[in-house]
C-alpha atoms as a PDB file:
ATOM      1  CA  MET A   1    -160.851 -77.173  11.196  1.00  0.00           C
ATOM      2  CA  LEU A   2    -157.558 -78.621  12.449  1.00  0.00           C
ATOM      3  CA  SER A   3    -157.704 -76.436  15.529  1.00  0.00           C
ATOM      4  CA  SER A   4    -161.203 -77.707  16.326  1.00  0.00           C
ATOM      5  CA  ILE A   5    -160.061 -81.310  16.085  1.00  0.00           C
ATOM      6  CA  LEU A   6    -157.107 -80.596  18.357  1.00  0.00           C
ATOM      7  CA  VAL A   7    -159.352 -78.911  20.938  1.00  0.00           C
ATOM      8  CA  VAL A   8    -161.780 -81.840  20.944  1.00  0.00           C
ATOM      9  CA  ALA A   9    -158.892 -84.310  21.287  1.00  0.00           C
ATOM     10  CA  ALA A  10    -157.419 -82.292  24.168  1.00  0.00           C
ATOM     11  CA  ILE A  11    -160.754 -82.189  26.004  1.00  0.00           C
ATOM     12  CA  GLY A  12    -161.197 -85.940  25.521  1.00  0.00           C
ATOM     13  CA  ALA A  13    -157.685 -86.632  26.808  1.00  0.00           C
ATOM     14  CA  LEU A  14    -158.303 -84.355  29.802  1.00  0.00           C
ATOM     15  CA  ILE A  15    -161.547 -86.156  30.696  1.00  0.00           C
ATOM     16  CA  PHE A  16    -159.841 -89.533  30.347  1.00  0.00           C
ATOM     17  CA  GLY A  17    -156.897 -88.394  32.486  1.00  0.00           C
ATOM     18  CA  VAL A  18    -159.103 -87.016  35.269  1.00  0.00           C
ATOM     19  CA  LYS A  19    -161.176 -90.206  35.435  1.00  0.00           C
ATOM     20  CA  ARG A  20    -158.040 -92.342  35.476  1.00  0.00           C
ATOM     21  CA  TRP A  21    -156.464 -90.142  38.176  1.00  0.00           C
ATOM     22  CA  GLN A  22    -159.535 -90.466  40.370  1.00  0.00           C
ATOM     23  CA  SER A  23    -159.436 -94.258  40.169  1.00  0.00           C
ATOM     24  CA  LEU A  24    -155.783 -94.503  41.267  1.00  0.00           C
ATOM     25  CA  PRO A  25    -154.676 -95.062  44.865  1.00  0.00           C
ATOM     26  CA  ASN A  26    -153.195 -92.006  46.589  1.00  0.00           C
ATOM     27  CA  GLU A  27    -149.581 -93.220  46.425  1.00  0.00           C
ATOM     28  CA  LYS A  28    -149.692 -93.462  42.614  1.00  0.00           C
ATOM     29  CA  LYS A  29    -151.411 -90.139  41.947  1.00  0.00           C
ATOM     30  CA  ALA A  30    -148.254 -88.002  42.168  1.00  0.00           C
ATOM     31  CA  GLY A  31    -146.376 -90.068  39.570  1.00  0.00           C
ATOM     32  CA  PHE A  32    -149.403 -90.148  37.314  1.00  0.00           C
ATOM     33  CA  ALA A  33    -149.800 -86.354  37.569  1.00  0.00           C
ATOM     34  CA  ARG A  34    -146.122 -85.786  36.699  1.00  0.00           C
ATOM     35  CA  LYS A  35    -146.354 -88.093  33.703  1.00  0.00           C
ATOM     36  CA  TRP A  36    -149.534 -86.459  32.412  1.00  0.00           C
ATOM     37  CA  ALA A  37    -148.091 -82.974  32.945  1.00  0.00           C
ATOM     38  CA  MET A  38    -145.070 -83.914  30.846  1.00  0.00           C
ATOM     39  CA  TYR A  39    -147.206 -85.437  28.099  1.00  0.00           C
ATOM     40  CA  GLY A  40    -149.590 -82.476  28.277  1.00  0.00           C
ATOM     41  CA  ALA A  41    -146.756 -80.002  27.786  1.00  0.00           C
ATOM     42  CA  ALA A  42    -145.490 -82.048  24.848  1.00  0.00           C
ATOM     43  CA  ALA A  43    -148.995 -82.136  23.347  1.00  0.00           C
ATOM     44  CA  VAL A  44    -149.437 -78.361  23.679  1.00  0.00           C
ATOM     45  CA  ILE A  45    -146.117 -77.698  21.959  1.00  0.00           C
ATOM     46  CA  LEU A  46    -146.941 -80.250  19.276  1.00  0.00           C
ATOM     47  CA  ALA A  47    -150.330 -78.601  18.703  1.00  0.00           C
ATOM     48  CA  LEU A  48    -148.613 -75.227  18.339  1.00  0.00           C
ATOM     49  CA  VAL A  49    -146.222 -76.700  15.777  1.00  0.00           C
ATOM     50  CA  VAL A  50    -149.030 -78.395  13.811  1.00  0.00           C
ATOM     51  CA  THR A  51    -151.104 -75.213  13.666  1.00  0.00           C
ATOM     52  CA  GLY A  52    -148.079 -73.182  12.593  1.00  0.00           C
ATOM     53  CA  LYS A  53    -147.847 -71.077  15.737  1.00  0.00           C
ATOM     54  CA  ALA A  54    -144.444 -72.442  16.776  1.00  0.00           C
ATOM     55  CA  HIS A  55    -141.277 -73.493  15.004  1.00  0.00           C
ATOM     56  CA  TRP A  56    -140.662 -77.190  14.267  1.00  0.00           C
ATOM     57  CA  LEU A  57    -137.748 -77.213  16.701  1.00  0.00           C
ATOM     58  CA  MET A  58    -140.250 -76.754  19.499  1.00  0.00           C
ATOM     59  CA  GLY A  59    -141.845 -80.003  18.365  1.00  0.00           C
ATOM     60  CA  VAL A  60    -138.505 -81.759  18.593  1.00  0.00           C
ATOM     61  CA  LEU A  61    -137.973 -80.344  22.081  1.00  0.00           C
ATOM     62  CA  ALA A  62    -141.434 -81.532  23.118  1.00  0.00           C
ATOM     63  CA  SER A  63    -140.662 -85.025  21.875  1.00  0.00           C
ATOM     64  CA  LEU A  64    -137.406 -85.085  23.797  1.00  0.00           C
ATOM     65  CA  LEU A  65    -139.222 -83.857  26.890  1.00  0.00           C
ATOM     66  CA  ALA A  66    -141.680 -86.733  26.650  1.00  0.00           C
ATOM     67  CA  LEU A  67    -138.870 -89.257  26.203  1.00  0.00           C
ATOM     68  CA  ALA A  68    -136.832 -87.867  29.114  1.00  0.00           C
ATOM     69  CA  GLY A  69    -139.179 -89.486  31.596  1.00  0.00           C
ATOM     70  CA  ARG A  70    -138.520 -92.904  30.083  1.00  0.00           C
ATOM     71  CA  VAL A  71    -134.760 -92.675  30.614  1.00  0.00           C
ATOM     72  CA  SER A  72    -135.132 -92.914  34.377  1.00  0.00           C
ATOM     73  CA  GLN A  73    -136.949 -96.247  34.017  1.00  0.00           C
ATOM     74  CA  PHE A  74    -133.867 -97.829  32.482  1.00  0.00           C
ATOM     75  CA  ALA A  75    -131.494 -96.422  35.113  1.00  0.00           C
ATOM     76  CA  GLN A  76    -132.353 -99.302  37.452  1.00  0.00           C
ATOM     77  CA  TYR A  77    -130.648-101.690  35.038  1.00  0.00           C
ATOM     78  CA  ALA A  78    -127.349 -99.758  35.026  1.00  0.00           C
ATOM     79  CA  PRO A  79    -125.491-102.224  37.295  1.00  0.00           C
ATOM     80  CA  LEU A  80    -126.533-105.100  35.053  1.00  0.00           C
ATOM     81  CA  PHE A  81    -125.292-103.344  31.925  1.00  0.00           C
ATOM     82  CA  LYS A  82    -122.071-102.205  33.604  1.00  0.00           C
ATOM     83  CA  GLN A  83    -121.376-105.753  34.647  1.00  0.00           C
ATOM     84  CA  PHE A  84    -122.266-107.074  31.202  1.00  0.00           C
ATOM     85  CA  MET A  85    -119.939-104.576  29.509  1.00  0.00           C
ATOM     86  CA  GLY A  86    -117.083-105.482  31.859  1.00  0.00           C
ATOM     87  CA  GLU A  87    -116.888-102.147  33.668  1.00  0.00           C
ATOM     88  CA  ASP A  88    -117.474-103.854  37.013  1.00  0.00           C
ATOM     89  CA  SER A  89    -114.410-105.259  38.754  1.00  0.00           C
ATOM     90  CA  GLY A  90    -116.281-108.467  39.524  1.00  0.00           C
ATOM     91  CA  LEU A  91    -115.918-109.712  35.964  1.00  0.00           C
ATOM     92  CA  ASP A  92    -112.167-110.210  36.136  1.00  0.00           C
ATOM     93  CA  SER A  93    -112.619-113.935  36.672  1.00  0.00           C
ATOM     94  CA  GLY A  94    -114.702-114.308  33.499  1.00  0.00           C
ATOM     95  CA  SER A  95    -113.230-114.471  30.045  1.00  0.00           C
ATOM     96  CA  ARG A  96    -114.334-112.717  26.892  1.00  0.00           C
ATOM     97  CA  SER A  97    -114.982-114.273  23.527  1.00  0.00           C
ATOM     98  CA  SER A  98    -113.898-112.732  20.238  1.00  0.00           C
ATOM     99  CA  LYS A  99    -117.173-110.791  19.974  1.00  0.00           C
ATOM    100  CA  GLY A 100    -116.731-109.277  23.443  1.00  0.00           C
ATOM    101  CA  SER A 101    -119.548-111.163  25.133  1.00  0.00           C
ATOM    102  CA  ILE A 102    -119.049-112.552  28.584  1.00  0.00           C
ATOM    103  CA  VAL A 103    -118.251-116.228  28.838  1.00  0.00           C
ATOM    104  CA  SER A 104    -118.623-117.463  32.397  1.00  0.00           C
ATOM    105  CA  ASN A 105    -119.660-120.365  34.523  1.00  0.00           C
ATOM    106  CA  THR A 106    -121.082-120.680  38.015  1.00  0.00           C
ATOM    107  CA  GLN A 107    -117.617-120.374  39.575  1.00  0.00           C
ATOM    108  CA  ALA A 108    -117.105-116.952  37.926  1.00  0.00           C
ATOM    109  CA  MET A 109    -120.143-115.374  39.623  1.00  0.00           C
ATOM    110  CA  ASN A 110    -120.465-115.046  43.375  1.00  0.00           C
ATOM    111  CA  LYS A 111    -123.697-114.624  45.318  1.00  0.00           C
ATOM    112  CA  GLN A 112    -123.258-110.848  45.682  1.00  0.00           C
ATOM    113  CA  GLN A 113    -122.884-110.382  41.921  1.00  0.00           C
ATOM    114  CA  ALA A 114    -125.905-112.606  41.313  1.00  0.00           C
ATOM    115  CA  ALA A 115    -127.962-110.607  43.814  1.00  0.00           C
ATOM    116  CA  ASP A 116    -126.906-107.338  42.137  1.00  0.00           C
ATOM    117  CA  ILE A 117    -127.978-108.628  38.727  1.00  0.00           C
ATOM    118  CA  LEU A 118    -131.400-109.706  39.964  1.00  0.00           C
ATOM    119  CA  GLY A 119    -131.810-106.683  42.222  1.00  0.00           C
ATOM    120  CA  VAL A 120    -132.410-108.689  45.410  1.00  0.00           C
ATOM    121  CA  ASP A 121    -130.556-109.204  48.694  1.00  0.00           C
ATOM    122  CA  VAL A 122    -128.026-112.001  48.968  1.00  0.00           C
ATOM    123  CA  ASP A 123    -130.217-113.715  51.566  1.00  0.00           C
ATOM    124  CA  ALA A 124    -133.477-113.224  49.621  1.00  0.00           C
ATOM    125  CA  SER A 125    -136.111-115.922  49.768  1.00  0.00           C
ATOM    126  CA  ILE A 126    -136.587-118.429  46.979  1.00  0.00           C
ATOM    127  CA  GLU A 127    -139.834-116.723  45.978  1.00  0.00           C
ATOM    128  CA  ASP A 128    -138.124-113.312  45.766  1.00  0.00           C
ATOM    129  CA  VAL A 129    -135.331-114.700  43.610  1.00  0.00           C
ATOM    130  CA  ARG A 130    -137.778-116.451  41.305  1.00  0.00           C
ATOM    131  CA  SER A 131    -140.017-113.391  40.929  1.00  0.00           C
ATOM    132  CA  ALA A 132    -137.027-111.098  40.265  1.00  0.00           C
ATOM    133  CA  HIS A 133    -135.719-113.597  37.705  1.00  0.00           C
ATOM    134  CA  LYS A 134    -139.113-113.846  36.018  1.00  0.00           C
ATOM    135  CA  ARG A 135    -139.495-110.046  35.875  1.00  0.00           C
ATOM    136  CA  LEU A 136    -136.045-109.531  34.356  1.00  0.00           C
ATOM    137  CA  ILE A 137    -136.110-112.449  31.940  1.00  0.00           C
ATOM    138  CA  GLN A 138    -139.442-111.297  30.553  1.00  0.00           C
ATOM    139  CA  LYS A 139    -137.861-107.940  29.717  1.00  0.00           C
ATOM    140  CA  MET A 140    -134.473-109.200  28.539  1.00  0.00           C
ATOM    141  CA  HIS A 141    -135.381-112.475  26.792  1.00  0.00           C
ATOM    142  CA  PRO A 142    -133.915-112.829  23.284  1.00  0.00           C
ATOM    143  CA  ASP A 143    -137.359-113.594  21.852  1.00  0.00           C
ATOM    144  CA  ARG A 144    -138.497-110.159  23.042  1.00  0.00           C
ATOM    145  CA  GLY A 145    -135.547-108.205  21.718  1.00  0.00           C
ATOM    146  CA  GLY A 146    -133.079-108.833  24.540  1.00  0.00           C
ATOM    147  CA  SER A 147    -129.645-110.320  24.094  1.00  0.00           C
ATOM    148  CA  ASP A 148    -128.589-113.917  24.596  1.00  0.00           C
ATOM    149  CA  ALA A 149    -125.725-112.861  26.854  1.00  0.00           C
ATOM    150  CA  LEU A 150    -127.987-110.890  29.196  1.00  0.00           C
ATOM    151  CA  ALA A 151    -130.449-113.766  29.404  1.00  0.00           C
ATOM    152  CA  LYS A 152    -127.592-116.141  30.223  1.00  0.00           C
ATOM    153  CA  GLN A 153    -126.350-113.824  32.966  1.00  0.00           C
ATOM    154  CA  ILE A 154    -129.839-113.527  34.459  1.00  0.00           C
ATOM    155  CA  ASN A 155    -130.307-117.301  34.394  1.00  0.00           C
ATOM    156  CA  LEU A 156    -126.856-117.834  35.872  1.00  0.00           C
ATOM    157  CA  ALA A 157    -127.608-115.346  38.652  1.00  0.00           C
ATOM    158  CA  LYS A 158    -130.774-117.259  39.529  1.00  0.00           C
ATOM    159  CA  ASP A 159    -128.902-120.551  39.560  1.00  0.00           C
ATOM    160  CA  VAL A 160    -126.177-119.150  41.813  1.00  0.00           C
ATOM    161  CA  LEU A 161    -128.661-117.728  44.318  1.00  0.00           C
ATOM    162  CA  LEU A 162    -130.799-120.869  44.396  1.00  0.00           C
ATOM    163  CA  SER A 163    -127.856-123.257  44.775  1.00  0.00           C
END
């Protein structure tokens, strides 16, 4: 019974994936195929674990395999986190509070540091700076689980680039 349900679910997911793949533009198909291949492999291993054909450790490995693809998405924020944690040499002019958070003002951040935080060029247009700020602040806002210090740094970077 459980095997039948898993087979029906797999066929439904396959049909959904093929229809979605066909509707994508050509430049996004490769990434979509890699993501679905990873999730498919994880689903097969999970199905083997659920039906008792594989050890539970295989299920753990499948879960880690599925999560491995997500790690690369956060790699683009590495410079921001390095700077926030004080590993970047550019933070020498800022001071640290007793909790270790960065306390700075507009004089402590130069245009290059601000551009690195927002992920734009130093001579980026006002629209580029605003869109990069909006994209980052939506992800790092304290109301959405981000930290106050990161939001302050993102806002400060926007102010420095727009001044």
